[in-house]
Amino acid sequence: ASRNGIRFLEPINYQEVFRLTDGTKISITNEFGRNIYICRFVDPTHLQVGQSMYHINDFACDVMRYCKVCAIA
Protein backbone atom coordinates (compact mmCIF):
# COMPACT_ATOMS: atom_id res chain seq x y z
CA ALA A 1 0.00 0.00 0.00
CA SER A 2 1.13 3.54 -0.68
CA ARG A 3 0.94 4.35 3.05
CA ASN A 4 4.25 2.46 3.41
CA GLY A 5 5.87 4.94 1.05
CA ILE A 6 8.07 4.85 -2.02
CA ARG A 7 11.43 3.21 -1.37
CA PHE A 8 14.62 4.67 -2.82
CA LEU A 9 17.58 2.30 -2.92
CA GLU A 10 21.35 2.58 -2.94
CA PRO A 11 22.58 1.55 -6.42
CA ILE A 12 25.35 -0.83 -5.34
CA ASN A 13 23.72 -3.09 -2.75
CA TYR A 14 20.05 -2.07 -3.10
CA GLN A 15 19.75 -1.14 0.58
CA GLU A 16 17.03 1.40 1.34
CA VAL A 17 18.38 4.97 1.50
CA PHE A 18 15.12 6.77 2.21
CA ARG A 19 11.38 6.48 1.84
CA LEU A 20 8.92 9.15 0.65
CA THR A 21 5.16 9.47 0.69
CA ASP A 22 3.13 9.27 -2.49
CA GLY A 23 2.99 12.61 -4.28
CA THR A 24 6.25 14.00 -2.86
CA LYS A 25 8.27 16.21 -5.19
CA ILE A 26 11.90 15.29 -5.73
CA SER A 27 14.81 17.18 -7.18
CA ILE A 28 17.19 15.34 -9.51
CA THR A 29 20.46 17.14 -10.17
CA ASN A 30 23.20 16.10 -12.57
CA GLU A 31 25.82 17.83 -14.72
CA PHE A 32 23.09 19.14 -17.02
CA GLY A 33 21.10 20.90 -14.30
CA ARG A 34 18.26 20.36 -11.86
CA ASN A 35 14.76 19.04 -12.56
CA ILE A 36 11.80 18.62 -10.24
CA TYR A 37 9.36 15.71 -10.51
CA ILE A 38 6.36 14.37 -8.62
CA CYS A 39 6.83 10.78 -7.41
CA ARG A 40 3.92 8.36 -7.38
CA PHE A 41 3.62 4.98 -5.70
CA VAL A 42 2.67 2.27 -8.20
CA ASP A 43 3.30 -0.86 -6.12
CA PRO A 44 5.97 -1.92 -3.60
CA THR A 45 8.62 -2.30 -6.32
CA HIS A 46 7.60 0.37 -8.87
CA LEU A 47 7.38 4.14 -8.89
CA GLN A 48 6.45 6.86 -11.31
CA VAL A 49 8.77 9.86 -11.55
CA GLY A 50 7.15 12.56 -13.64
CA GLN A 51 5.90 10.68 -16.71
CA SER A 52 8.39 7.79 -16.41
CA MET A 53 7.78 4.44 -14.71
CA TYR A 54 10.64 2.61 -12.97
CA HIS A 55 11.31 -0.55 -11.06
CA ILE A 56 12.98 0.67 -7.85
CA ASN A 57 16.18 -1.23 -8.71
CA ASP A 58 16.32 0.36 -12.17
CA PHE A 59 15.81 3.83 -10.68
CA ALA A 60 18.68 3.15 -8.29
CA CYS A 61 21.00 2.04 -11.11
CA ASP A 62 19.90 4.51 -13.79
CA VAL A 63 19.36 7.66 -11.72
CA MET A 64 20.64 7.48 -8.15
CA ARG A 65 24.04 6.20 -9.27
CA TYR A 66 24.73 9.27 -11.41
CA CYS A 67 22.54 12.02 -9.94
CA LYS A 68 21.78 13.67 -6.63
CA VAL A 69 18.19 12.91 -5.64
CA CYS A 70 16.45 14.64 -2.73
CA ALA A 71 12.93 15.40 -1.52
CA ILE A 72 11.54 18.91 -1.72
CA ALA A 73 9.60 20.05 1.33
C-alpha atoms as a PDB file:
ATOM      1  CA  ALA A   1       0.000   0.000   0.000  1.00  0.00           C
ATOM      2  CA  SER A   2       1.131   3.543  -0.676  1.00  0.00           C
ATOM      3  CA  ARG A   3       0.943   4.346   3.053  1.00  0.00           C
ATOM      4  CA  ASN A   4       4.254   2.463   3.414  1.00  0.00           C
ATOM      5  CA  GLY A   5       5.874   4.944   1.050  1.00  0.00           C
ATOM      6  CA  ILE A   6       8.067   4.846  -2.017  1.00  0.00           C
ATOM      7  CA  ARG A   7      11.427   3.209  -1.372  1.00  0.00           C
ATOM      8  CA  PHE A   8      14.622   4.665  -2.815  1.00  0.00           C
ATOM      9  CA  LEU A   9      17.576   2.296  -2.922  1.00  0.00           C
ATOM     10  CA  GLU A  10      21.351   2.578  -2.944  1.00  0.00           C
ATOM     11  CA  PRO A  11      22.582   1.549  -6.425  1.00  0.00           C
ATOM     12  CA  ILE A  12      25.345  -0.828  -5.337  1.00  0.00           C
ATOM     13  CA  ASN A  13      23.719  -3.092  -2.746  1.00  0.00           C
ATOM     14  CA  TYR A  14      20.046  -2.074  -3.099  1.00  0.00           C
ATOM     15  CA  GLN A  15      19.747  -1.138   0.576  1.00  0.00           C
ATOM     16  CA  GLU A  16      17.030   1.404   1.341  1.00  0.00           C
ATOM     17  CA  VAL A  17      18.381   4.968   1.500  1.00  0.00           C
ATOM     18  CA  PHE A  18      15.122   6.770   2.211  1.00  0.00           C
ATOM     19  CA  ARG A  19      11.376   6.476   1.838  1.00  0.00           C
ATOM     20  CA  LEU A  20       8.921   9.150   0.655  1.00  0.00           C
ATOM     21  CA  THR A  21       5.162   9.471   0.694  1.00  0.00           C
ATOM     22  CA  ASP A  22       3.128   9.268  -2.494  1.00  0.00           C
ATOM     23  CA  GLY A  23       2.987  12.613  -4.284  1.00  0.00           C
ATOM     24  CA  THR A  24       6.247  13.998  -2.865  1.00  0.00           C
ATOM     25  CA  LYS A  25       8.266  16.210  -5.190  1.00  0.00           C
ATOM     26  CA  ILE A  26      11.901  15.287  -5.728  1.00  0.00           C
ATOM     27  CA  SER A  27      14.807  17.185  -7.178  1.00  0.00           C
ATOM     28  CA  ILE A  28      17.185  15.344  -9.513  1.00  0.00           C
ATOM     29  CA  THR A  29      20.464  17.136 -10.165  1.00  0.00           C
ATOM     30  CA  ASN A  30      23.204  16.102 -12.568  1.00  0.00           C
ATOM     31  CA  GLU A  31      25.822  17.832 -14.720  1.00  0.00           C
ATOM     32  CA  PHE A  32      23.088  19.143 -17.022  1.00  0.00           C
ATOM     33  CA  GLY A  33      21.104  20.900 -14.297  1.00  0.00           C
ATOM     34  CA  ARG A  34      18.258  20.359 -11.855  1.00  0.00           C
ATOM     35  CA  ASN A  35      14.764  19.036 -12.562  1.00  0.00           C
ATOM     36  CA  ILE A  36      11.798  18.620 -10.238  1.00  0.00           C
ATOM     37  CA  TYR A  37       9.358  15.706 -10.513  1.00  0.00           C
ATOM     38  CA  ILE A  38       6.362  14.374  -8.616  1.00  0.00           C
ATOM     39  CA  CYS A  39       6.829  10.779  -7.414  1.00  0.00           C
ATOM     40  CA  ARG A  40       3.920   8.364  -7.375  1.00  0.00           C
ATOM     41  CA  PHE A  41       3.625   4.985  -5.698  1.00  0.00           C
ATOM     42  CA  VAL A  42       2.668   2.266  -8.204  1.00  0.00           C
ATOM     43  CA  ASP A  43       3.298  -0.856  -6.124  1.00  0.00           C
ATOM     44  CA  PRO A  44       5.972  -1.916  -3.596  1.00  0.00           C
ATOM     45  CA  THR A  45       8.617  -2.300  -6.317  1.00  0.00           C
ATOM     46  CA  HIS A  46       7.605   0.365  -8.870  1.00  0.00           C
ATOM     47  CA  LEU A  47       7.379   4.141  -8.893  1.00  0.00           C
ATOM     48  CA  GLN A  48       6.445   6.857 -11.315  1.00  0.00           C
ATOM     49  CA  VAL A  49       8.774   9.859 -11.552  1.00  0.00           C
ATOM     50  CA  GLY A  50       7.154  12.557 -13.637  1.00  0.00           C
ATOM     51  CA  GLN A  51       5.904  10.683 -16.708  1.00  0.00           C
ATOM     52  CA  SER A  52       8.387   7.793 -16.413  1.00  0.00           C
ATOM     53  CA  MET A  53       7.776   4.439 -14.710  1.00  0.00           C
ATOM     54  CA  TYR A  54      10.636   2.612 -12.970  1.00  0.00           C
ATOM     55  CA  HIS A  55      11.309  -0.547 -11.062  1.00  0.00           C
ATOM     56  CA  ILE A  56      12.977   0.671  -7.851  1.00  0.00           C
ATOM     57  CA  ASN A  57      16.182  -1.229  -8.706  1.00  0.00           C
ATOM     58  CA  ASP A  58      16.318   0.360 -12.168  1.00  0.00           C
ATOM     59  CA  PHE A  59      15.806   3.831 -10.682  1.00  0.00           C
ATOM     60  CA  ALA A  60      18.682   3.153  -8.289  1.00  0.00           C
ATOM     61  CA  CYS A  61      20.996   2.042 -11.112  1.00  0.00           C
ATOM     62  CA  ASP A  62      19.898   4.514 -13.786  1.00  0.00           C
ATOM     63  CA  VAL A  63      19.361   7.659 -11.719  1.00  0.00           C
ATOM     64  CA  MET A  64      20.643   7.480  -8.148  1.00  0.00           C
ATOM     65  CA  ARG A  65      24.041   6.196  -9.270  1.00  0.00           C
ATOM     66  CA  TYR A  66      24.730   9.273 -11.415  1.00  0.00           C
ATOM     67  CA  CYS A  67      22.539  12.019  -9.944  1.00  0.00           C
ATOM     68  CA  LYS A  68      21.781  13.666  -6.632  1.00  0.00           C
ATOM     69  CA  VAL A  69      18.191  12.913  -5.643  1.00  0.00           C
ATOM     70  CA  CYS A  70      16.452  14.638  -2.733  1.00  0.00           C
ATOM     71  CA  ALA A  71      12.931  15.402  -1.525  1.00  0.00           C
ATOM     72  CA  ILE A  72      11.540  18.908  -1.721  1.00  0.00           C
ATOM     73  CA  ALA A  73       9.604  20.054   1.330  1.00  0.00           C
END
